[in-house]
C-alpha atoms as a PDB file:
ATOM      1  CA  MET A   1      -9.374  18.022 -17.728  1.00  0.00           C
ATOM      2  CA  ALA A   2      -6.595  19.877 -19.513  1.00  0.00           C
ATOM      3  CA  GLY A   3      -6.088  23.618 -19.210  1.00  0.00           C
ATOM      4  CA  ILE A   4      -6.876  26.087 -16.501  1.00  0.00           C
ATOM      5  CA  LYS A   5     -10.018  25.458 -14.527  1.00  0.00           C
ATOM      6  CA  GLU A   6     -11.710  28.624 -13.381  1.00  0.00           C
ATOM      7  CA  GLU A   7     -14.633  28.881 -11.005  1.00  0.00           C
ATOM      8  CA  THR A   8     -15.864  31.484  -8.589  1.00  0.00           C
ATOM      9  CA  GLY A   9     -17.138  31.235  -5.052  1.00  0.00           C
ATOM     10  CA  SER A  10     -17.656  33.288  -1.945  1.00  0.00           C
ATOM     11  CA  PHE A  11     -16.807  32.876   1.707  1.00  0.00           C
ATOM     12  CA  GLU A  12     -17.391  34.290   5.162  1.00  0.00           C
ATOM     13  CA  GLY A  13     -19.500  37.369   5.324  1.00  0.00           C
ATOM     14  CA  PRO A  14     -20.040  39.767   2.459  1.00  0.00           C
ATOM     15  CA  ALA A  15     -19.763  38.065  -0.882  1.00  0.00           C
ATOM     16  CA  LYS A  16     -16.044  37.799  -1.489  1.00  0.00           C
ATOM     17  CA  THR A  17     -15.483  36.174  -4.834  1.00  0.00           C
ATOM     18  CA  PHE A  18     -12.368  34.248  -5.751  1.00  0.00           C
ATOM     19  CA  ARG A  19     -11.245  32.908  -9.064  1.00  0.00           C
ATOM     20  CA  LEU A  20     -10.100  29.278  -8.851  1.00  0.00           C
ATOM     21  CA  ILE A  21      -7.115  28.489 -11.036  1.00  0.00           C
ATOM     22  CA  VAL A  22      -5.763  24.948 -11.389  1.00  0.00           C
ATOM     23  CA  SER A  23      -2.171  24.936 -12.625  1.00  0.00           C
ATOM     24  CA  ASN A  24      -1.212  22.826 -15.611  1.00  0.00           C
ATOM     25  CA  SER A  25       0.979  20.604 -13.425  1.00  0.00           C
ATOM     26  CA  ALA A  26      -1.915  20.036 -10.996  1.00  0.00           C
ATOM     27  CA  GLU A  27      -4.182  19.223 -13.967  1.00  0.00           C
ATOM     28  CA  VAL A  28      -1.665  16.578 -15.080  1.00  0.00           C
ATOM     29  CA  GLU A  29      -1.545  15.116 -11.559  1.00  0.00           C
ATOM     30  CA  ILE A  30      -5.339  15.041 -11.393  1.00  0.00           C
ATOM     31  CA  GLN A  31      -5.538  13.213 -14.719  1.00  0.00           C
ATOM     32  CA  GLU A  32      -2.815  10.746 -13.699  1.00  0.00           C
ATOM     33  CA  ALA A  33      -4.587  10.021 -10.397  1.00  0.00           C
ATOM     34  CA  TYR A  34      -7.903   9.540 -12.193  1.00  0.00           C
ATOM     35  CA  ASP A  35      -6.305   7.197 -14.744  1.00  0.00           C
ATOM     36  CA  TRP A  36      -4.590   5.151 -12.015  1.00  0.00           C
ATOM     37  CA  ILE A  37      -7.826   4.808 -10.050  1.00  0.00           C
ATOM     38  CA  GLU A  38      -9.795   3.783 -13.139  1.00  0.00           C
ATOM     39  CA  LEU A  39      -7.133   1.246 -14.096  1.00  0.00           C
ATOM     40  CA  ASN A  40      -6.916  -0.288 -10.622  1.00  0.00           C
ATOM     41  CA  GLN A  41     -10.489   0.249  -9.426  1.00  0.00           C
ATOM     42  CA  PRO A  42     -12.670   0.342 -12.566  1.00  0.00           C
ATOM     43  CA  GLY A  43     -15.673   2.623 -12.188  1.00  0.00           C
ATOM     44  CA  ASN A  44     -14.275   4.403  -9.136  1.00  0.00           C
ATOM     45  CA  GLY A  45     -13.013   7.340 -11.198  1.00  0.00           C
ATOM     46  CA  ILE A  46     -16.429   8.999 -10.978  1.00  0.00           C
ATOM     47  CA  HIS A  47     -16.159   8.951  -7.164  1.00  0.00           C
ATOM     48  CA  PHE A  48     -12.687  10.473  -7.460  1.00  0.00           C
ATOM     49  CA  LYS A  49     -14.064  13.292  -9.622  1.00  0.00           C
ATOM     50  CA  ASP A  50     -16.947  13.840  -7.171  1.00  0.00           C
ATOM     51  CA  SER A  51     -14.511  14.030  -4.253  1.00  0.00           C
ATOM     52  CA  LEU A  52     -12.301  16.469  -6.176  1.00  0.00           C
ATOM     53  CA  ASP A  53     -15.258  18.690  -7.084  1.00  0.00           C
ATOM     54  CA  ASN A  54     -16.478  18.596  -3.481  1.00  0.00           C
ATOM     55  CA  CYS A  55     -13.064  19.645  -2.147  1.00  0.00           C
ATOM     56  CA  LEU A  56     -12.711  22.466  -4.686  1.00  0.00           C
ATOM     57  CA  ALA A  57     -16.190  23.718  -3.773  1.00  0.00           C
ATOM     58  CA  ARG A  58     -15.251  23.627  -0.068  1.00  0.00           C
ATOM     59  CA  ILE A  59     -12.079  25.594  -0.779  1.00  0.00           C
ATOM     60  CA  LEU A  60     -14.066  28.203  -2.719  1.00  0.00           C
ATOM     61  CA  LYS A  61     -16.674  28.463   0.015  1.00  0.00           C
ATOM     62  CA  SER A  62     -14.225  28.805   2.891  1.00  0.00           C
ATOM     63  CA  PRO A  63     -10.589  29.029   1.775  1.00  0.00           C
ATOM     64  CA  LEU A  64      -9.247  30.113   5.171  1.00  0.00           C
ATOM     65  CA  THR A  65     -10.597  26.997   6.890  1.00  0.00           C
ATOM     66  CA  TYR A  66      -7.621  24.881   5.876  1.00  0.00           C
ATOM     67  CA  ARG A  67      -4.296  25.339   7.666  1.00  0.00           C
ATOM     68  CA  LYS A  68      -1.135  26.610   6.096  1.00  0.00           C
ATOM     69  CA  LYS A  69       1.179  23.640   5.641  1.00  0.00           C
ATOM     70  CA  PHE A  70       4.383  25.147   4.295  1.00  0.00           C
ATOM     71  CA  LEU A  71       5.198  28.735   3.449  1.00  0.00           C
ATOM     72  CA  ASN A  72       1.729  30.075   2.580  1.00  0.00           C
ATOM     73  CA  ALA A  73       0.342  26.942   0.949  1.00  0.00           C
ATOM     74  CA  ARG A  74      -2.808  25.402   2.387  1.00  0.00           C
ATOM     75  CA  SER A  75      -4.116  21.895   1.831  1.00  0.00           C
ATOM     76  CA  ILE A  76      -7.239  19.791   2.035  1.00  0.00           C
ATOM     77  CA  VAL A  77      -7.414  15.988   2.016  1.00  0.00           C
ATOM     78  CA  MET A  78      -9.616  14.297  -0.581  1.00  0.00           C
ATOM     79  CA  ARG A  79     -11.426  11.531   1.228  1.00  0.00           C
ATOM     80  CA  PRO A  80     -11.534   8.586   0.810  1.00  0.00           C
ATOM     81  CA  PHE A  81      -8.765   8.795  -1.776  1.00  0.00           C
ATOM     82  CA  LYS A  82      -6.041  10.225   0.485  1.00  0.00           C
ATOM     83  CA  TYR A  83      -4.833  12.787  -2.020  1.00  0.00           C
ATOM     84  CA  ARG A  84      -4.006  16.275  -0.799  1.00  0.00           C
ATOM     85  CA  ILE A  85      -4.850  19.370  -2.790  1.00  0.00           C
ATOM     86  CA  PHE A  86      -2.365  22.188  -2.208  1.00  0.00           C
ATOM     87  CA  TYR A  87      -3.343  25.762  -2.955  1.00  0.00           C
ATOM     88  CA  PHE A  88      -2.362  29.378  -2.436  1.00  0.00           C
ATOM     89  CA  LEU A  89      -4.818  32.103  -1.536  1.00  0.00           C
ATOM     90  CA  ASN A  90      -4.350  35.734  -2.476  1.00  0.00           C
ATOM     91  CA  LYS A  91      -6.662  38.728  -2.724  1.00  0.00           C
ATOM     92  CA  SER A  92      -8.791  37.478  -5.600  1.00  0.00           C
ATOM     93  CA  GLU A  93      -7.483  34.041  -6.597  1.00  0.00           C
ATOM     94  CA  ILE A  94      -7.161  30.548  -5.264  1.00  0.00           C
ATOM     95  CA  SER A  95      -4.364  28.784  -7.121  1.00  0.00           C
ATOM     96  CA  VAL A  96      -4.300  24.985  -6.947  1.00  0.00           C
ATOM     97  CA  ILE A  97      -0.685  24.001  -7.460  1.00  0.00           C
ATOM     98  CA  ALA A  98      -0.518  20.275  -6.680  1.00  0.00           C
ATOM     99  CA  LEU A  99      -2.423  17.060  -6.100  1.00  0.00           C
ATOM    100  CA  VAL A 100      -0.233  14.652  -4.126  1.00  0.00           C
ATOM    101  CA  HIS A 101      -1.063  11.283  -2.590  1.00  0.00           C
ATOM    102  CA  SER A 102      -0.587  11.419   1.178  1.00  0.00           C
ATOM    103  CA  SER A 103       1.835   8.484   1.042  1.00  0.00           C
ATOM    104  CA  ARG A 104       4.314  10.551  -0.990  1.00  0.00           C
ATOM    105  CA  HIS A 105       7.279  12.121   0.768  1.00  0.00           C
ATOM    106  CA  ASP A 106       6.856  15.764   1.813  1.00  0.00           C
ATOM    107  CA  ARG A 107       9.685  16.877  -0.487  1.00  0.00           C
ATOM    108  CA  VAL A 108       7.401  16.149  -3.484  1.00  0.00           C
ATOM    109  CA  TRP A 109       4.911  18.870  -2.622  1.00  0.00           C
ATOM    110  CA  LYS A 110       7.373  21.168  -0.843  1.00  0.00           C
ATOM    111  CA  SER A 111       9.464  21.519  -3.995  1.00  0.00           C
ATOM    112  CA  ARG A 112       6.332  22.519  -5.935  1.00  0.00           C
ATOM    113  CA  ILE A 113       5.393  25.073  -3.305  1.00  0.00           C
ATOM    114  CA  ARG A 114       8.873  26.586  -3.270  1.00  0.00           C
ATOM    115  CA  GLY A 115       8.625  27.014  -7.021  1.00  0.00           C
ATOM    116  CA  ASN A 116       5.245  28.743  -6.790  1.00  0.00           C
ATOM    117  CA  SER A 117       5.560  30.934  -3.707  1.00  0.00           C
END
């Protein structure tokens, strides 16, 4: 899971293609979440990965669907895992900047967004 993940997708109307970039810090958070789930719920890591892939595909397909939460960052909730994926959208890129469990205090993800906006 290390490194920058890049994918392309289109949304709404004429084929608008975005490049999906997952920041190194988000990659670390994804790996830590996966490891925690596998440690505490053996075998459930595959469902976590499926949920993550599903959410990233939904973002690529329709990035404007999800509301802006703070500054210009948008988020989607990974169900049933209750993690939120935070991302920025610009002309040609979707940048995933954080994966944060919904039980964490807002300052955790807001500080990341401030640093990336």
